[in-house]
Protein backbone atom coordinates (compact mmCIF):
# COMPACT_ATOMS: atom_id res chain seq x y z
CA UNK A 1 -7.48 36.40 5.07
CA UNK A 2 -9.66 39.46 5.53
CA UNK A 3 -9.64 41.67 8.64
CA UNK A 4 -12.23 40.58 11.20
CA UNK A 5 -13.14 44.14 12.34
CA UNK A 6 -16.66 45.39 11.71
CA UNK A 7 -18.14 48.86 12.24
CA UNK A 8 -21.74 50.02 12.43
CA UNK A 9 -22.41 52.85 10.00
CA UNK A 10 -23.69 55.88 11.93
CA UNK A 11 -27.11 57.07 10.72
CA UNK A 12 -25.82 60.51 9.75
CA UNK A 13 -23.03 58.98 7.64
CA UNK A 14 -25.43 56.49 6.04
CA UNK A 15 -27.66 59.42 5.02
CA UNK A 16 -24.69 61.36 3.71
CA UNK A 17 -23.50 58.31 1.75
CA UNK A 18 -26.93 57.90 0.16
CA UNK A 19 -26.82 61.55 -0.89
CA UNK A 20 -23.40 61.09 -2.52
CA UNK A 21 -24.23 57.99 -4.53
CA UNK A 22 -26.87 56.49 -6.76
CA UNK A 23 -27.35 53.63 -4.28
CA UNK A 24 -30.80 53.21 -2.79
CA UNK A 25 -29.48 51.31 0.24
CA UNK A 26 -26.39 51.45 2.46
CA UNK A 27 -25.47 48.56 4.75
CA UNK A 28 -25.85 49.33 8.47
CA UNK A 29 -22.50 47.66 9.23
CA UNK A 30 -19.37 47.04 7.17
CA UNK A 31 -16.39 44.74 7.52
CA UNK A 32 -12.87 46.03 6.96
CA UNK A 33 -11.80 44.93 3.48
CA UNK A 34 -8.07 44.95 4.17
CA UNK A 35 -6.04 41.85 4.98
CA UNK A 36 -6.11 40.72 8.60
CA UNK A 37 -4.63 43.34 10.96
CA UNK A 38 -5.25 44.56 14.50
CA UNK A 39 -3.87 48.09 14.44
CA UNK A 40 -4.19 51.05 12.13
CA UNK A 41 -6.99 52.25 9.92
CA UNK A 42 -9.89 50.05 8.82
CA UNK A 43 -11.82 50.53 5.58
CA UNK A 44 -15.31 49.20 4.84
CA UNK A 45 -16.75 49.54 1.34
CA UNK A 46 -20.08 51.37 1.27
CA UNK A 47 -20.81 51.84 -2.43
CA UNK A 48 -19.49 52.88 -5.80
CA UNK A 49 -19.91 56.63 -5.60
CA UNK A 50 -21.01 57.01 -9.21
CA UNK A 51 -17.78 58.53 -10.56
CA UNK A 52 -15.73 56.22 -12.75
CA UNK A 53 -12.95 54.49 -10.87
CA UNK A 54 -13.89 55.61 -7.36
CA UNK A 55 -15.84 54.22 -4.44
CA UNK A 56 -17.22 55.49 -1.15
CA UNK A 57 -15.59 53.93 1.93
CA UNK A 58 -16.12 54.15 5.67
CA UNK A 59 -12.77 54.72 7.41
CA UNK A 60 -12.19 54.24 11.15
CA UNK A 61 -9.34 53.73 13.57
CA UNK A 62 -10.00 51.60 16.66
CA UNK A 63 -13.03 53.03 18.44
CA UNK A 64 -12.56 56.57 17.05
CA UNK A 65 -15.29 58.17 15.01
CA UNK A 66 -15.80 56.95 11.49
CA UNK A 67 -15.73 59.14 8.39
CA UNK A 68 -16.70 58.86 4.74
CA UNK A 69 -13.89 58.93 2.18
CA UNK A 70 -13.98 58.76 -1.61
CA UNK A 71 -11.03 56.75 -2.86
CA UNK A 72 -9.81 55.81 -6.32
CA UNK A 73 -9.95 52.13 -7.21
CA UNK A 74 -6.71 50.16 -7.06
CA UNK A 75 -5.45 49.85 -10.65
CA UNK A 76 -3.41 46.65 -10.07
CA UNK A 77 -4.53 43.38 -11.64
CA UNK A 78 -3.33 39.83 -11.11
CA UNK A 79 -0.71 38.51 -13.54
CA UNK A 80 -1.88 36.74 -16.66
CA UNK A 81 -4.14 37.59 -19.58
CA UNK A 82 -7.35 37.28 -17.52
CA UNK A 83 -5.99 38.91 -14.36
CA UNK A 84 -8.54 39.72 -11.69
CA UNK A 85 -8.61 43.33 -10.53
CA UNK A 86 -7.91 44.31 -6.94
CA UNK A 87 -11.11 45.23 -5.10
CA UNK A 88 -9.43 47.76 -2.79
CA UNK A 89 -8.44 51.40 -3.27
CA UNK A 90 -5.32 52.93 -4.81
CA UNK A 91 -2.41 53.20 -2.43
CA UNK A 92 -3.48 50.55 0.07
CA UNK A 93 -0.43 49.26 1.93
CA UNK A 94 -1.39 45.61 2.22
CA UNK A 95 -1.69 42.79 -0.29
CA UNK A 96 -4.13 42.95 -3.19
CA UNK A 97 -7.42 41.07 -2.85
CA UNK A 98 -6.50 38.52 -5.52
CA UNK A 99 -3.20 37.57 -3.82
CA UNK A 100 -4.95 35.30 -1.28
CA UNK A 101 -6.47 33.31 -4.13
CA UNK A 102 -3.06 32.93 -5.81
CA UNK A 103 -1.46 31.75 -2.56
CA UNK A 104 -4.21 29.16 -2.03
CA UNK A 105 -3.89 27.88 -5.60
CA UNK A 106 -0.10 27.56 -5.39
CA UNK A 107 -0.39 25.56 -2.13
CA UNK A 108 -2.62 22.94 -3.75
CA UNK A 109 -0.47 22.42 -6.86
């Protein structure tokens, strides 16, 4: 289950993000893409930053100011020949995005 925390993207950071990517539009608010948690850092995906294997994220902690960070894509894929790639960044401490789908599938079998 994904984190329920959202953050509005400050106008100055939205402008900076547009300048760093080929995107023509940046969402005005992002949801944390990590698994459900209440404490610690939150990360909302803004856009692929144009460099292979990296993306531009909005990082925030509680109500502190947000900042832009460029992070490498997580290289881990689900087991099996057609394994789905993780949609988070390298080094994230929580489960991979495809692990929820595996847990749901194993509960119904």
